[in-house]
Amino acid sequence: MKKKTFVYVCLGSCGAVVSERRYKAGLKKCGAESCNMHGSPLAKREVID
């Protein structure tokens, strides 16, 4: 059985994708100043292989 893997994404115009490891290290909000969702929390998404 495969382990579930997650990423965290910005739902704004930049579409940034952050690994679970970087999210747990503190990267929890969109940091792209040019993004329309700058400063908003990232959304958790499951990775499907």
PDB file of N, CA and C in Angstrom:
ATOM      1  N   MET A   1       0.841  -1.187   0.000  1.00  0.00           N
ATOM      2  CA  MET A   1       0.000   0.000   0.000  1.00  0.00           C
ATOM      3  C   MET A   1       0.887   1.251   0.000  1.00  0.00           C
ATOM      4  N   LYS A   2       0.560   2.184  -0.868  1.00  0.00           N
ATOM      5  CA  LYS A   2       1.343   3.405  -0.973  1.00  0.00           C
ATOM      6  C   LYS A   2       0.972   4.384   0.125  1.00  0.00           C
ATOM      7  N   LYS A   3       1.975   5.125   0.593  1.00  0.00           N
ATOM      8  CA  LYS A   3       1.745   6.169   1.574  1.00  0.00           C
ATOM      9  C   LYS A   3       1.157   7.384   0.859  1.00  0.00           C
ATOM     10  N   LYS A   4       0.159   8.009   1.458  1.00  0.00           N
ATOM     11  CA  LYS A   4      -0.420   9.207   0.867  1.00  0.00           C
ATOM     12  C   LYS A   4       0.596  10.333   0.929  1.00  0.00           C
ATOM     13  N   THR A   5       0.689  11.068  -0.158  1.00  0.00           N
ATOM     14  CA  THR A   5       1.593  12.200  -0.250  1.00  0.00           C
ATOM     15  C   THR A   5       0.766  13.452  -0.478  1.00  0.00           C
ATOM     16  N   PHE A   6       1.161  14.532   0.174  1.00  0.00           N
ATOM     17  CA  PHE A   6       0.427  15.784   0.060  1.00  0.00           C
ATOM     18  C   PHE A   6       1.357  16.913  -0.366  1.00  0.00           C
ATOM     19  N   VAL A   7       0.794  17.889  -1.056  1.00  0.00           N
ATOM     20  CA  VAL A   7       1.467  19.146  -1.361  1.00  0.00           C
ATOM     21  C   VAL A   7       0.516  20.251  -0.936  1.00  0.00           C
ATOM     22  N   TYR A   8       1.036  21.457  -0.879  1.00  0.00           N
ATOM     23  CA  TYR A   8       0.236  22.625  -0.502  1.00  0.00           C
ATOM     24  C   TYR A   8       0.333  23.611  -1.650  1.00  0.00           C
ATOM     25  N   VAL A   9      -0.802  24.106  -2.098  1.00  0.00           N
ATOM     26  CA  VAL A   9      -0.833  24.961  -3.287  1.00  0.00           C
ATOM     27  C   VAL A   9      -1.469  26.310  -2.994  1.00  0.00           C
ATOM     28  N   CYS A  10      -1.005  27.298  -3.735  1.00  0.00           N
ATOM     29  CA  CYS A  10      -1.623  28.614  -3.694  1.00  0.00           C
ATOM     30  C   CYS A  10      -2.745  28.607  -4.724  1.00  0.00           C
ATOM     31  N   LEU A  11      -3.920  29.017  -4.316  1.00  0.00           N
ATOM     32  CA  LEU A  11      -5.066  29.029  -5.212  1.00  0.00           C
ATOM     33  C   LEU A  11      -5.149  30.327  -6.019  1.00  0.00           C
ATOM     34  N   GLY A  12      -4.144  31.165  -5.876  1.00  0.00           N
ATOM     35  CA  GLY A  12      -4.123  32.437  -6.595  1.00  0.00           C
ATOM     36  C   GLY A  12      -3.445  32.335  -7.946  1.00  0.00           C
ATOM     37  N   SER A  13      -3.121  33.490  -8.507  1.00  0.00           N
ATOM     38  CA  SER A  13      -2.580  33.572  -9.859  1.00  0.00           C
ATOM     39  C   SER A  13      -1.191  32.958 -10.019  1.00  0.00           C
ATOM     40  N   CYS A  14      -0.411  32.844  -8.939  1.00  0.00           N
ATOM     41  CA  CYS A  14       0.938  32.273  -9.075  1.00  0.00           C
ATOM     42  C   CYS A  14       0.920  30.749  -9.144  1.00  0.00           C
ATOM     43  N   GLY A  15      -0.061  30.101  -8.503  1.00  0.00           N
ATOM     44  CA  GLY A  15      -0.173  28.644  -8.547  1.00  0.00           C
ATOM     45  C   GLY A  15       0.998  27.918  -7.901  1.00  0.00           C
ATOM     46  N   ALA A  16       1.636  28.527  -6.916  1.00  0.00           N
ATOM     47  CA  ALA A  16       2.795  27.923  -6.256  1.00  0.00           C
ATOM     48  C   ALA A  16       2.443  26.576  -5.626  1.00  0.00           C
ATOM     49  N   VAL A  17       3.411  25.640  -5.661  1.00  0.00           N
ATOM     50  CA  VAL A  17       3.258  24.321  -5.057  1.00  0.00           C
ATOM     51  C   VAL A  17       4.385  24.146  -4.049  1.00  0.00           C
ATOM     52  N   VAL A  18       4.031  23.767  -2.816  1.00  0.00           N
ATOM     53  CA  VAL A  18       4.990  23.623  -1.718  1.00  0.00           C
ATOM     54  C   VAL A  18       4.934  22.188  -1.211  1.00  0.00           C
ATOM     55  N   SER A  19       6.095  21.589  -0.985  1.00  0.00           N
ATOM     56  CA  SER A  19       6.145  20.224  -0.462  1.00  0.00           C
ATOM     57  C   SER A  19       5.671  20.193   0.991  1.00  0.00           C
ATOM     58  N   GLU A  20       5.281  19.001   1.430  1.00  0.00           N
ATOM     59  CA  GLU A  20       4.835  18.841   2.817  1.00  0.00           C
ATOM     60  C   GLU A  20       5.962  19.174   3.794  1.00  0.00           C
ATOM     61  N   ARG A  21       7.178  18.824   3.437  1.00  0.00           N
ATOM     62  CA  ARG A  21       8.338  19.102   4.293  1.00  0.00           C
ATOM     63  C   ARG A  21       8.536  20.611   4.467  1.00  0.00           C
ATOM     64  N   ARG A  22       8.445  21.368   3.383  1.00  0.00           N
ATOM     65  CA  ARG A  22       8.619  22.832   3.468  1.00  0.00           C
ATOM     66  C   ARG A  22       7.447  23.478   4.203  1.00  0.00           C
ATOM     67  N   TYR A  23       6.248  22.906   4.030  1.00  0.00           N
ATOM     68  CA  TYR A  23       5.079  23.428   4.738  1.00  0.00           C
ATOM     69  C   TYR A  23       5.272  23.260   6.247  1.00  0.00           C
ATOM     70  N   LYS A  24       5.704  22.073   6.653  1.00  0.00           N
ATOM     71  CA  LYS A  24       5.930  21.807   8.079  1.00  0.00           C
ATOM     72  C   LYS A  24       7.074  22.653   8.635  1.00  0.00           C
ATOM     73  N   ALA A  25       7.983  23.084   7.761  1.00  0.00           N
ATOM     74  CA  ALA A  25       9.103  23.927   8.182  1.00  0.00           C
ATOM     75  C   ALA A  25       8.688  25.391   8.336  1.00  0.00           C
ATOM     76  N   GLY A  26       7.441  25.714   7.968  1.00  0.00           N
ATOM     77  CA  GLY A  26       6.961  27.069   8.214  1.00  0.00           C
ATOM     78  C   GLY A  26       6.416  27.834   7.016  1.00  0.00           C
ATOM     79  N   LEU A  27       6.523  27.287   5.819  1.00  0.00           N
ATOM     80  CA  LEU A  27       6.029  27.983   4.628  1.00  0.00           C
ATOM     81  C   LEU A  27       4.540  27.680   4.465  1.00  0.00           C
ATOM     82  N   LYS A  28       3.683  28.477   5.112  1.00  0.00           N
ATOM     83  CA  LYS A  28       2.263  28.187   5.184  1.00  0.00           C
ATOM     84  C   LYS A  28       1.371  29.170   4.428  1.00  0.00           C
ATOM     85  N   LYS A  29       1.969  30.242   3.897  1.00  0.00           N
ATOM     86  CA  LYS A  29       1.192  31.258   3.179  1.00  0.00           C
ATOM     87  C   LYS A  29       1.860  31.584   1.853  1.00  0.00           C
ATOM     88  N   CYS A  30       1.069  32.064   0.922  1.00  0.00           N
ATOM     89  CA  CYS A  30       1.609  32.475  -0.373  1.00  0.00           C
ATOM     90  C   CYS A  30       2.537  33.671  -0.161  1.00  0.00           C
ATOM     91  N   GLY A  31       3.761  33.562  -0.679  1.00  0.00           N
ATOM     92  CA  GLY A  31       4.737  34.615  -0.477  1.00  0.00           C
ATOM     93  C   GLY A  31       5.034  35.449  -1.717  1.00  0.00           C
ATOM     94  N   ALA A  32       4.437  35.082  -2.853  1.00  0.00           N
ATOM     95  CA  ALA A  32       4.699  35.819  -4.093  1.00  0.00           C
ATOM     96  C   ALA A  32       3.978  37.163  -4.059  1.00  0.00           C
ATOM     97  N   GLU A  33       4.735  38.248  -4.017  1.00  0.00           N
ATOM     98  CA  GLU A  33       4.129  39.577  -3.910  1.00  0.00           C
ATOM     99  C   GLU A  33       3.269  39.936  -5.113  1.00  0.00           C
ATOM    100  N   SER A  34       3.548  39.349  -6.265  1.00  0.00           N
ATOM    101  CA  SER A  34       2.769  39.651  -7.468  1.00  0.00           C
ATOM    102  C   SER A  34       1.474  38.825  -7.555  1.00  0.00           C
ATOM    103  N   CYS A  35       1.276  37.895  -6.648  1.00  0.00           N
ATOM    104  CA  CYS A  35       0.106  37.012  -6.665  1.00  0.00           C
ATOM    105  C   CYS A  35      -1.107  37.719  -6.061  1.00  0.00           C
ATOM    106  N   ASN A  36      -2.268  37.451  -6.632  1.00  0.00           N
ATOM    107  CA  ASN A  36      -3.497  38.057  -6.105  1.00  0.00           C
ATOM    108  C   ASN A  36      -3.931  37.430  -4.775  1.00  0.00           C
ATOM    109  N   MET A  37      -3.268  36.371  -4.336  1.00  0.00           N
ATOM    110  CA  MET A  37      -3.582  35.723  -3.050  1.00  0.00           C
ATOM    111  C   MET A  37      -2.396  35.823  -2.080  1.00  0.00           C
ATOM    112  N   HIS A  38      -1.514  36.813  -2.292  1.00  0.00           N
ATOM    113  CA  HIS A  38      -0.335  37.006  -1.433  1.00  0.00           C
ATOM    114  C   HIS A  38      -0.765  37.077   0.035  1.00  0.00           C
ATOM    115  N   GLY A  39      -0.115  36.272   0.875  1.00  0.00           N
ATOM    116  CA  GLY A  39      -0.410  36.258   2.309  1.00  0.00           C
ATOM    117  C   GLY A  39      -1.536  35.327   2.705  1.00  0.00           C
ATOM    118  N   SER A  40      -2.199  34.711   1.737  1.00  0.00           N
ATOM    119  CA  SER A  40      -3.295  33.785   2.038  1.00  0.00           C
ATOM    120  C   SER A  40      -2.747  32.392   2.337  1.00  0.00           C
ATOM    121  N   PRO A  41      -3.448  31.619   3.171  1.00  0.00           N
ATOM    122  CA  PRO A  41      -2.995  30.265   3.491  1.00  0.00           C
ATOM    123  C   PRO A  41      -2.977  29.371   2.258  1.00  0.00           C
ATOM    124  N   LEU A  42      -2.043  28.417   2.251  1.00  0.00           N
ATOM    125  CA  LEU A  42      -1.969  27.440   1.174  1.00  0.00           C
ATOM    126  C   LEU A  42      -3.008  26.340   1.409  1.00  0.00           C
ATOM    127  N   ALA A  43      -3.472  25.722   0.335  1.00  0.00           N
ATOM    128  CA  ALA A  43      -4.480  24.664   0.412  1.00  0.00           C
ATOM    129  C   ALA A  43      -3.810  23.297   0.259  1.00  0.00           C
ATOM    130  N   LYS A  44      -4.211  22.342   1.089  1.00  0.00           N
ATOM    131  CA  LYS A  44      -3.642  20.993   1.074  1.00  0.00           C
ATOM    132  C   LYS A  44      -4.298  20.178  -0.035  1.00  0.00           C
ATOM    133  N   ARG A  45      -3.459  19.488  -0.825  1.00  0.00           N
ATOM    134  CA  ARG A  45      -3.947  18.639  -1.912  1.00  0.00           C
ATOM    135  C   ARG A  45      -3.192  17.318  -1.888  1.00  0.00           C
ATOM    136  N   GLU A  46      -3.893  16.221  -2.121  1.00  0.00           N
ATOM    137  CA  GLU A  46      -3.271  14.899  -2.189  1.00  0.00           C
ATOM    138  C   GLU A  46      -2.650  14.691  -3.565  1.00  0.00           C
ATOM    139  N   VAL A  47      -1.461  14.093  -3.600  1.00  0.00           N
ATOM    140  CA  VAL A  47      -0.793  13.785  -4.848  1.00  0.00           C
ATOM    141  C   VAL A  47      -1.219  12.390  -5.273  1.00  0.00           C
ATOM    142  N   ILE A  48      -1.681  12.256  -6.514  1.00  0.00           N
ATOM    143  CA  ILE A  48      -2.104  10.971  -7.056  1.00  0.00           C
ATOM    144  C   ILE A  48      -1.022  10.483  -8.018  1.00  0.00           C
ATOM    145  N   ASP A  49      -0.477   9.299  -7.750  1.00  0.00           N
ATOM    146  CA  ASP A  49       0.541   8.710  -8.654  1.00  0.00           C
ATOM    147  C   ASP A  49      -0.109   7.976  -9.788  1.00  0.00           C
TER     148      ASP A  49
END
